[in-house]
Amino acid sequence: AGTGARMCLVSEEAKRIVKEISKNIGYLELGIDPDFQKTFLNSHIIPYADLDEFPKTSKILKQYGNYPTTPPPKF
């Protein structure tokens, strides 16, 4: 934390990039979504509890023969 601030102090290009990025940042209230907590908890299990939600991960697990035969329990 602070590396970006130091970069902006010494680089006009870094300052310009940061200003551009800051225009695209928004605020998202996750607590509004009634399924957020469940989805959040399920995504912390590795492999993920609901692999249908993560097709890239599923593909890699299948490719290397590590796709679970019994998935972890869902919350």
PDB file of N, CA and C in Angstrom:
ATOM      1  N   ALA A   1       0.863  -1.175   0.000  1.00  0.00           N
ATOM      2  CA  ALA A   1       0.000   0.000   0.000  1.00  0.00           C
ATOM      3  C   ALA A   1       0.897   1.222   0.000  1.00  0.00           C
ATOM      4  N   GLY A   2       0.692   2.088  -0.902  1.00  0.00           N
ATOM      5  CA  GLY A   2       1.516   3.282  -0.963  1.00  0.00           C
ATOM      6  C   GLY A   2       2.439   3.295  -2.166  1.00  0.00           C
ATOM      7  N   THR A   3       2.688   2.123  -2.749  1.00  0.00           N
ATOM      8  CA  THR A   3       3.545   2.070  -3.928  1.00  0.00           C
ATOM      9  C   THR A   3       2.941   2.880  -5.061  1.00  0.00           C
ATOM     10  N   GLY A   4       1.640   2.725  -5.269  1.00  0.00           N
ATOM     11  CA  GLY A   4       0.960   3.479  -6.321  1.00  0.00           C
ATOM     12  C   GLY A   4       1.042   4.973  -6.086  1.00  0.00           C
ATOM     13  N   ALA A   5       0.914   5.387  -4.827  1.00  0.00           N
ATOM     14  CA  ALA A   5       0.998   6.813  -4.501  1.00  0.00           C
ATOM     15  C   ALA A   5       2.393   7.345  -4.808  1.00  0.00           C
ATOM     16  N   ARG A   6       3.418   6.566  -4.466  1.00  0.00           N
ATOM     17  CA  ARG A   6       4.793   6.992  -4.761  1.00  0.00           C
ATOM     18  C   ARG A   6       5.018   7.077  -6.268  1.00  0.00           C
ATOM     19  N   MET A   7       4.439   6.111  -7.011  1.00  0.00           N
ATOM     20  CA  MET A   7       4.583   6.141  -8.469  1.00  0.00           C
ATOM     21  C   MET A   7       3.967   7.412  -9.045  1.00  0.00           C
ATOM     22  N   CYS A   8       2.819   7.806  -8.507  1.00  0.00           N
ATOM     23  CA  CYS A   8       2.146   9.016  -8.998  1.00  0.00           C
ATOM     24  C   CYS A   8       2.949  10.274  -8.692  1.00  0.00           C
ATOM     25  N   LEU A   9       3.720  10.240  -7.613  1.00  0.00           N
ATOM     26  CA  LEU A   9       4.542  11.399  -7.268  1.00  0.00           C
ATOM     27  C   LEU A   9       5.700  11.590  -8.247  1.00  0.00           C
ATOM     28  N   VAL A  10       6.184  10.499  -8.815  1.00  0.00           N
ATOM     29  CA  VAL A  10       7.363  10.599  -9.680  1.00  0.00           C
ATOM     30  C   VAL A  10       7.051  10.411 -11.162  1.00  0.00           C
ATOM     31  N   SER A  11       5.836  10.022 -11.495  1.00  0.00           N
ATOM     32  CA  SER A  11       5.522   9.739 -12.894  1.00  0.00           C
ATOM     33  C   SER A  11       4.203  10.374 -13.308  1.00  0.00           C
ATOM     34  N   GLU A  12       4.288  11.272 -14.260  1.00  0.00           N
ATOM     35  CA  GLU A  12       3.069  11.894 -14.796  1.00  0.00           C
ATOM     36  C   GLU A  12       2.200  10.851 -15.499  1.00  0.00           C
ATOM     37  N   GLU A  13       2.834   9.886 -16.155  1.00  0.00           N
ATOM     38  CA  GLU A  13       2.093   8.830 -16.851  1.00  0.00           C
ATOM     39  C   GLU A  13       1.311   7.978 -15.845  1.00  0.00           C
ATOM     40  N   ALA A  14       1.941   7.627 -14.721  1.00  0.00           N
ATOM     41  CA  ALA A  14       1.250   6.851 -13.689  1.00  0.00           C
ATOM     42  C   ALA A  14       0.075   7.647 -13.134  1.00  0.00           C
ATOM     43  N   LYS A  15       0.272   8.933 -12.928  1.00  0.00           N
ATOM     44  CA  LYS A  15      -0.800   9.794 -12.420  1.00  0.00           C
ATOM     45  C   LYS A  15      -1.972   9.833 -13.403  1.00  0.00           C
ATOM     46  N   ARG A  16      -1.663   9.930 -14.694  1.00  0.00           N
ATOM     47  CA  ARG A  16      -2.711   9.955 -15.719  1.00  0.00           C
ATOM     48  C   ARG A  16      -3.495   8.636 -15.730  1.00  0.00           C
ATOM     49  N   ILE A  17      -2.779   7.517 -15.622  1.00  0.00           N
ATOM     50  CA  ILE A  17      -3.433   6.201 -15.621  1.00  0.00           C
ATOM     51  C   ILE A  17      -4.349   6.060 -14.412  1.00  0.00           C
ATOM     52  N   VAL A  18      -3.871   6.482 -13.250  1.00  0.00           N
ATOM     53  CA  VAL A  18      -4.674   6.391 -12.029  1.00  0.00           C
ATOM     54  C   VAL A  18      -5.931   7.240 -12.147  1.00  0.00           C
ATOM     55  N   LYS A  19      -5.806   8.428 -12.692  1.00  0.00           N
ATOM     56  CA  LYS A  19      -6.987   9.287 -12.865  1.00  0.00           C
ATOM     57  C   LYS A  19      -8.001   8.632 -13.790  1.00  0.00           C
ATOM     58  N   GLU A  20      -7.516   8.007 -14.857  1.00  0.00           N
ATOM     59  CA  GLU A  20      -8.411   7.342 -15.812  1.00  0.00           C
ATOM     60  C   GLU A  20      -9.120   6.152 -15.153  1.00  0.00           C
ATOM     61  N   ILE A  21      -8.376   5.361 -14.405  1.00  0.00           N
ATOM     62  CA  ILE A  21      -8.964   4.208 -13.712  1.00  0.00           C
ATOM     63  C   ILE A  21     -10.001   4.674 -12.702  1.00  0.00           C
ATOM     64  N   SER A  22      -9.697   5.750 -11.982  1.00  0.00           N
ATOM     65  CA  SER A  22     -10.606   6.218 -10.932  1.00  0.00           C
ATOM     66  C   SER A  22     -11.964   6.652 -11.484  1.00  0.00           C
ATOM     67  N   LYS A  23     -12.014   7.019 -12.756  1.00  0.00           N
ATOM     68  CA  LYS A  23     -13.290   7.416 -13.366  1.00  0.00           C
ATOM     69  C   LYS A  23     -14.216   6.220 -13.582  1.00  0.00           C
ATOM     70  N   ASN A  24     -13.652   5.015 -13.608  1.00  0.00           N
ATOM     71  CA  ASN A  24     -14.430   3.816 -13.892  1.00  0.00           C
ATOM     72  C   ASN A  24     -14.748   2.981 -12.656  1.00  0.00           C
ATOM     73  N   ILE A  25     -14.358   3.463 -11.504  1.00  0.00           N
ATOM     74  CA  ILE A  25     -14.597   2.716 -10.276  1.00  0.00           C
ATOM     75  C   ILE A  25     -15.986   3.032  -9.756  1.00  0.00           C
ATOM     76  N   GLY A  26     -16.698   1.989  -9.391  1.00  0.00           N
ATOM     77  CA  GLY A  26     -18.042   2.162  -8.839  1.00  0.00           C
ATOM     78  C   GLY A  26     -18.155   1.497  -7.482  1.00  0.00           C
ATOM     79  N   TYR A  27     -19.264   1.682  -6.861  1.00  0.00           N
ATOM     80  CA  TYR A  27     -19.522   1.095  -5.552  1.00  0.00           C
ATOM     81  C   TYR A  27     -20.630   0.070  -5.711  1.00  0.00           C
ATOM     82  N   LEU A  28     -20.426  -1.090  -5.155  1.00  0.00           N
ATOM     83  CA  LEU A  28     -21.416  -2.151  -5.229  1.00  0.00           C
ATOM     84  C   LEU A  28     -21.701  -2.643  -3.822  1.00  0.00           C
ATOM     85  N   GLU A  29     -22.926  -2.510  -3.377  1.00  0.00           N
ATOM     86  CA  GLU A  29     -23.316  -2.954  -2.039  1.00  0.00           C
ATOM     87  C   GLU A  29     -23.663  -4.434  -2.107  1.00  0.00           C
ATOM     88  N   LEU A  30     -22.727  -5.270  -1.674  1.00  0.00           N
ATOM     89  CA  LEU A  30     -22.933  -6.712  -1.756  1.00  0.00           C
ATOM     90  C   LEU A  30     -24.002  -7.208  -0.794  1.00  0.00           C
ATOM     91  N   GLY A  31     -24.193  -6.513   0.296  1.00  0.00           N
ATOM     92  CA  GLY A  31     -25.179  -6.933   1.281  1.00  0.00           C
ATOM     93  C   GLY A  31     -26.607  -6.897   0.779  1.00  0.00           C
ATOM     94  N   ILE A  32     -26.860  -6.209  -0.321  1.00  0.00           N
ATOM     95  CA  ILE A  32     -28.210  -6.128  -0.875  1.00  0.00           C
ATOM     96  C   ILE A  32     -28.628  -7.460  -1.483  1.00  0.00           C
ATOM     97  N   ASP A  33     -27.681  -8.179  -2.059  1.00  0.00           N
ATOM     98  CA  ASP A  33     -27.975  -9.457  -2.714  1.00  0.00           C
ATOM     99  C   ASP A  33     -28.246 -10.517  -1.651  1.00  0.00           C
ATOM    100  N   PRO A  34     -29.461 -11.076  -1.616  1.00  0.00           N
ATOM    101  CA  PRO A  34     -29.791 -12.061  -0.579  1.00  0.00           C
ATOM    102  C   PRO A  34     -28.961 -13.339  -0.687  1.00  0.00           C
ATOM    103  N   ASP A  35     -28.407 -13.642  -1.857  1.00  0.00           N
ATOM    104  CA  ASP A  35     -27.613 -14.861  -2.018  1.00  0.00           C
ATOM    105  C   ASP A  35     -26.112 -14.624  -1.853  1.00  0.00           C
ATOM    106  N   PHE A  36     -25.723 -13.404  -1.551  1.00  0.00           N
ATOM    107  CA  PHE A  36     -24.294 -13.106  -1.501  1.00  0.00           C
ATOM    108  C   PHE A  36     -23.560 -13.970  -0.481  1.00  0.00           C
ATOM    109  N   GLN A  37     -24.048 -14.050   0.735  1.00  0.00           N
ATOM    110  CA  GLN A  37     -23.347 -14.786   1.788  1.00  0.00           C
ATOM    111  C   GLN A  37     -23.182 -16.253   1.411  1.00  0.00           C
ATOM    112  N   LYS A  38     -24.229 -16.857   0.879  1.00  0.00           N
ATOM    113  CA  LYS A  38     -24.172 -18.260   0.477  1.00  0.00           C
ATOM    114  C   LYS A  38     -23.152 -18.443  -0.651  1.00  0.00           C
ATOM    115  N   THR A  39     -23.213 -17.590  -1.649  1.00  0.00           N
ATOM    116  CA  THR A  39     -22.284 -17.674  -2.779  1.00  0.00           C
ATOM    117  C   THR A  39     -20.854 -17.434  -2.313  1.00  0.00           C
ATOM    118  N   PHE A  40     -20.672 -16.471  -1.444  1.00  0.00           N
ATOM    119  CA  PHE A  40     -19.349 -16.147  -0.910  1.00  0.00           C
ATOM    120  C   PHE A  40     -18.758 -17.339  -0.166  1.00  0.00           C
ATOM    121  N   LEU A  41     -19.547 -17.945   0.712  1.00  0.00           N
ATOM    122  CA  LEU A  41     -19.054 -19.092   1.478  1.00  0.00           C
ATOM    123  C   LEU A  41     -18.746 -20.280   0.573  1.00  0.00           C
ATOM    124  N   ASN A  42     -19.610 -20.540  -0.391  1.00  0.00           N
ATOM    125  CA  ASN A  42     -19.377 -21.672  -1.292  1.00  0.00           C
ATOM    126  C   ASN A  42     -18.151 -21.475  -2.170  1.00  0.00           C
ATOM    127  N   SER A  43     -17.794 -20.244  -2.463  1.00  0.00           N
ATOM    128  CA  SER A  43     -16.638 -20.001  -3.331  1.00  0.00           C
ATOM    129  C   SER A  43     -15.317 -20.139  -2.590  1.00  0.00           C
ATOM    130  N   HIS A  44     -15.352 -20.250  -1.275  1.00  0.00           N
ATOM    131  CA  HIS A  44     -14.119 -20.390  -0.508  1.00  0.00           C
ATOM    132  C   HIS A  44     -13.700 -21.835  -0.306  1.00  0.00           C
ATOM    133  N   ILE A  45     -14.522 -22.760  -0.728  1.00  0.00           N
ATOM    134  CA  ILE A  45     -14.172 -24.170  -0.646  1.00  0.00           C
ATOM    135  C   ILE A  45     -13.394 -24.509  -1.910  1.00  0.00           C
ATOM    136  N   ILE A  46     -12.286 -25.188  -1.756  1.00  0.00           N
ATOM    137  CA  ILE A  46     -11.501 -25.580  -2.928  1.00  0.00           C
ATOM    138  C   ILE A  46     -11.449 -27.097  -2.953  1.00  0.00           C
ATOM    139  N   PRO A  47     -11.909 -27.780  -3.978  1.00  0.00           N
ATOM    140  CA  PRO A  47     -12.568 -27.191  -5.130  1.00  0.00           C
ATOM    141  C   PRO A  47     -13.919 -26.627  -4.733  1.00  0.00           C
ATOM    142  N   TYR A  48     -14.390 -25.699  -5.502  1.00  0.00           N
ATOM    143  CA  TYR A  48     -15.611 -24.975  -5.187  1.00  0.00           C
ATOM    144  C   TYR A  48     -16.792 -25.917  -5.017  1.00  0.00           C
ATOM    145  N   ALA A  49     -17.677 -25.564  -4.094  1.00  0.00           N
ATOM    146  CA  ALA A  49     -18.838 -26.400  -3.813  1.00  0.00           C
ATOM    147  C   ALA A  49     -19.733 -26.543  -5.032  1.00  0.00           C
ATOM    148  N   ASP A  50     -19.914 -25.505  -5.789  1.00  0.00           N
ATOM    149  CA  ASP A  50     -20.763 -25.561  -6.978  1.00  0.00           C
ATOM    150  C   ASP A  50     -19.890 -25.321  -8.206  1.00  0.00           C
ATOM    151  N   LEU A  51     -19.338 -26.384  -8.742  1.00  0.00           N
ATOM    152  CA  LEU A  51     -18.415 -26.250  -9.867  1.00  0.00           C
ATOM    153  C   LEU A  51     -19.091 -25.761 -11.133  1.00  0.00           C
ATOM    154  N   ASP A  52     -20.415 -25.834 -11.209  1.00  0.00           N
ATOM    155  CA  ASP A  52     -21.125 -25.284 -12.365  1.00  0.00           C
ATOM    156  C   ASP A  52     -20.943 -23.770 -12.455  1.00  0.00           C
ATOM    157  N   GLU A  53     -20.681 -23.142 -11.331  1.00  0.00           N
ATOM    158  CA  GLU A  53     -20.475 -21.695 -11.294  1.00  0.00           C
ATOM    159  C   GLU A  53     -19.080 -21.301 -11.789  1.00  0.00           C
ATOM    160  N   PHE A  54     -18.186 -22.272 -11.908  1.00  0.00           N
ATOM    161  CA  PHE A  54     -16.793 -21.999 -12.266  1.00  0.00           C
ATOM    162  C   PHE A  54     -16.355 -22.933 -13.394  1.00  0.00           C
ATOM    163  N   PRO A  55     -16.837 -22.684 -14.626  1.00  0.00           N
ATOM    164  CA  PRO A  55     -16.553 -23.603 -15.732  1.00  0.00           C
ATOM    165  C   PRO A  55     -15.065 -23.739 -16.073  1.00  0.00           C
ATOM    166  N   LYS A  56     -14.304 -22.677 -15.938  1.00  0.00           N
ATOM    167  CA  LYS A  56     -12.870 -22.774 -16.246  1.00  0.00           C
ATOM    168  C   LYS A  56     -12.170 -23.687 -15.242  1.00  0.00           C
ATOM    169  N   THR A  57     -12.515 -23.531 -13.969  1.00  0.00           N
ATOM    170  CA  THR A  57     -11.936 -24.383 -12.936  1.00  0.00           C
ATOM    171  C   THR A  57     -12.342 -25.829 -13.162  1.00  0.00           C
ATOM    172  N   SER A  58     -13.612 -26.059 -13.498  1.00  0.00           N
ATOM    173  CA  SER A  58     -14.097 -27.418 -13.761  1.00  0.00           C
ATOM    174  C   SER A  58     -13.312 -28.062 -14.890  1.00  0.00           C
ATOM    175  N   LYS A  59     -13.096 -27.306 -15.954  1.00  0.00           N
ATOM    176  CA  LYS A  59     -12.376 -27.830 -17.115  1.00  0.00           C
ATOM    177  C   LYS A  59     -10.953 -28.239 -16.736  1.00  0.00           C
ATOM    178  N   ILE A  60     -10.287 -27.401 -15.963  1.00  0.00           N
ATOM    179  CA  ILE A  60      -8.909 -27.696 -15.556  1.00  0.00           C
ATOM    180  C   ILE A  60      -8.872 -28.911 -14.642  1.00  0.00           C
ATOM    181  N   LEU A  61      -9.804 -28.987 -13.697  1.00  0.00           N
ATOM    182  CA  LEU A  61      -9.844 -30.140 -12.796  1.00  0.00           C
ATOM    183  C   LEU A  61     -10.070 -31.434 -13.574  1.00  0.00           C
ATOM    184  N   LYS A  62     -10.972 -31.401 -14.551  1.00  0.00           N
ATOM    185  CA  LYS A  62     -11.233 -32.585 -15.376  1.00  0.00           C
ATOM    186  C   LYS A  62     -10.007 -32.938 -16.214  1.00  0.00           C
ATOM    187  N   GLN A  63      -9.360 -31.922 -16.761  1.00  0.00           N
ATOM    188  CA  GLN A  63      -8.187 -32.125 -17.611  1.00  0.00           C
ATOM    189  C   GLN A  63      -7.081 -32.864 -16.861  1.00  0.00           C
ATOM    190  N   TYR A  64      -6.897 -32.544 -15.592  1.00  0.00           N
ATOM    191  CA  TYR A  64      -5.830 -33.157 -14.814  1.00  0.00           C
ATOM    192  C   TYR A  64      -6.305 -34.323 -13.948  1.00  0.00           C
ATOM    193  N   GLY A  65      -7.561 -34.733 -14.148  1.00  0.00           N
ATOM    194  CA  GLY A  65      -8.084 -35.880 -13.409  1.00  0.00           C
ATOM    195  C   GLY A  65      -8.338 -35.604 -11.944  1.00  0.00           C
ATOM    196  N   ASN A  66      -8.554 -34.347 -11.594  1.00  0.00           N
ATOM    197  CA  ASN A  66      -8.785 -33.978 -10.197  1.00  0.00           C
ATOM    198  C   ASN A  66     -10.210 -33.529  -9.918  1.00  0.00           C
ATOM    199  N   TYR A  67     -11.100 -33.759 -10.869  1.00  0.00           N
ATOM    200  CA  TYR A  67     -12.499 -33.359 -10.667  1.00  0.00           C
ATOM    201  C   TYR A  67     -13.085 -34.244  -9.571  1.00  0.00           C
ATOM    202  N   PRO A  68     -13.664 -33.663  -8.531  1.00  0.00           N
ATOM    203  CA  PRO A  68     -14.150 -34.472  -7.404  1.00  0.00           C
ATOM    204  C   PRO A  68     -15.346 -35.341  -7.794  1.00  0.00           C
ATOM    205  N   THR A  69     -15.331 -36.582  -7.324  1.00  0.00           N
ATOM    206  CA  THR A  69     -16.473 -37.460  -7.579  1.00  0.00           C
ATOM    207  C   THR A  69     -17.629 -37.093  -6.662  1.00  0.00           C
ATOM    208  N   THR A  70     -17.306 -36.619  -5.476  1.00  0.00           N
ATOM    209  CA  THR A  70     -18.320 -36.148  -4.538  1.00  0.00           C
ATOM    210  C   THR A  70     -17.971 -34.711  -4.172  1.00  0.00           C
ATOM    211  N   PRO A  71     -18.771 -33.746  -4.606  1.00  0.00           N
ATOM    212  CA  PRO A  71     -18.452 -32.354  -4.288  1.00  0.00           C
ATOM    213  C   PRO A  71     -18.641 -32.062  -2.802  1.00  0.00           C
ATOM    214  N   PRO A  72     -17.961 -31.048  -2.294  1.00  0.00           N
ATOM    215  CA  PRO A  72     -18.148 -30.648  -0.904  1.00  0.00           C
ATOM    216  C   PRO A  72     -19.586 -30.186  -0.682  1.00  0.00           C
ATOM    217  N   PRO A  73     -20.050 -30.216   0.552  1.00  0.00           N
ATOM    218  CA  PRO A  73     -21.422 -29.761   0.818  1.00  0.00           C
ATOM    219  C   PRO A  73     -21.568 -28.272   0.541  1.00  0.00           C
ATOM    220  N   LYS A  74     -22.744 -27.898   0.092  1.00  0.00           N
ATOM    221  CA  LYS A  74     -23.043 -26.488  -0.155  1.00  0.00           C
ATOM    222  C   LYS A  74     -23.664 -25.876   1.089  1.00  0.00           C
ATOM    223  N   PHE A  75     -23.451 -24.585   1.254  1.00  0.00           N
ATOM    224  CA  PHE A  75     -24.065 -23.858   2.361  1.00  0.00           C
ATOM    225  C   PHE A  75     -25.442 -23.417   1.975  1.00  0.00           C
TER     226      PHE A  75
END
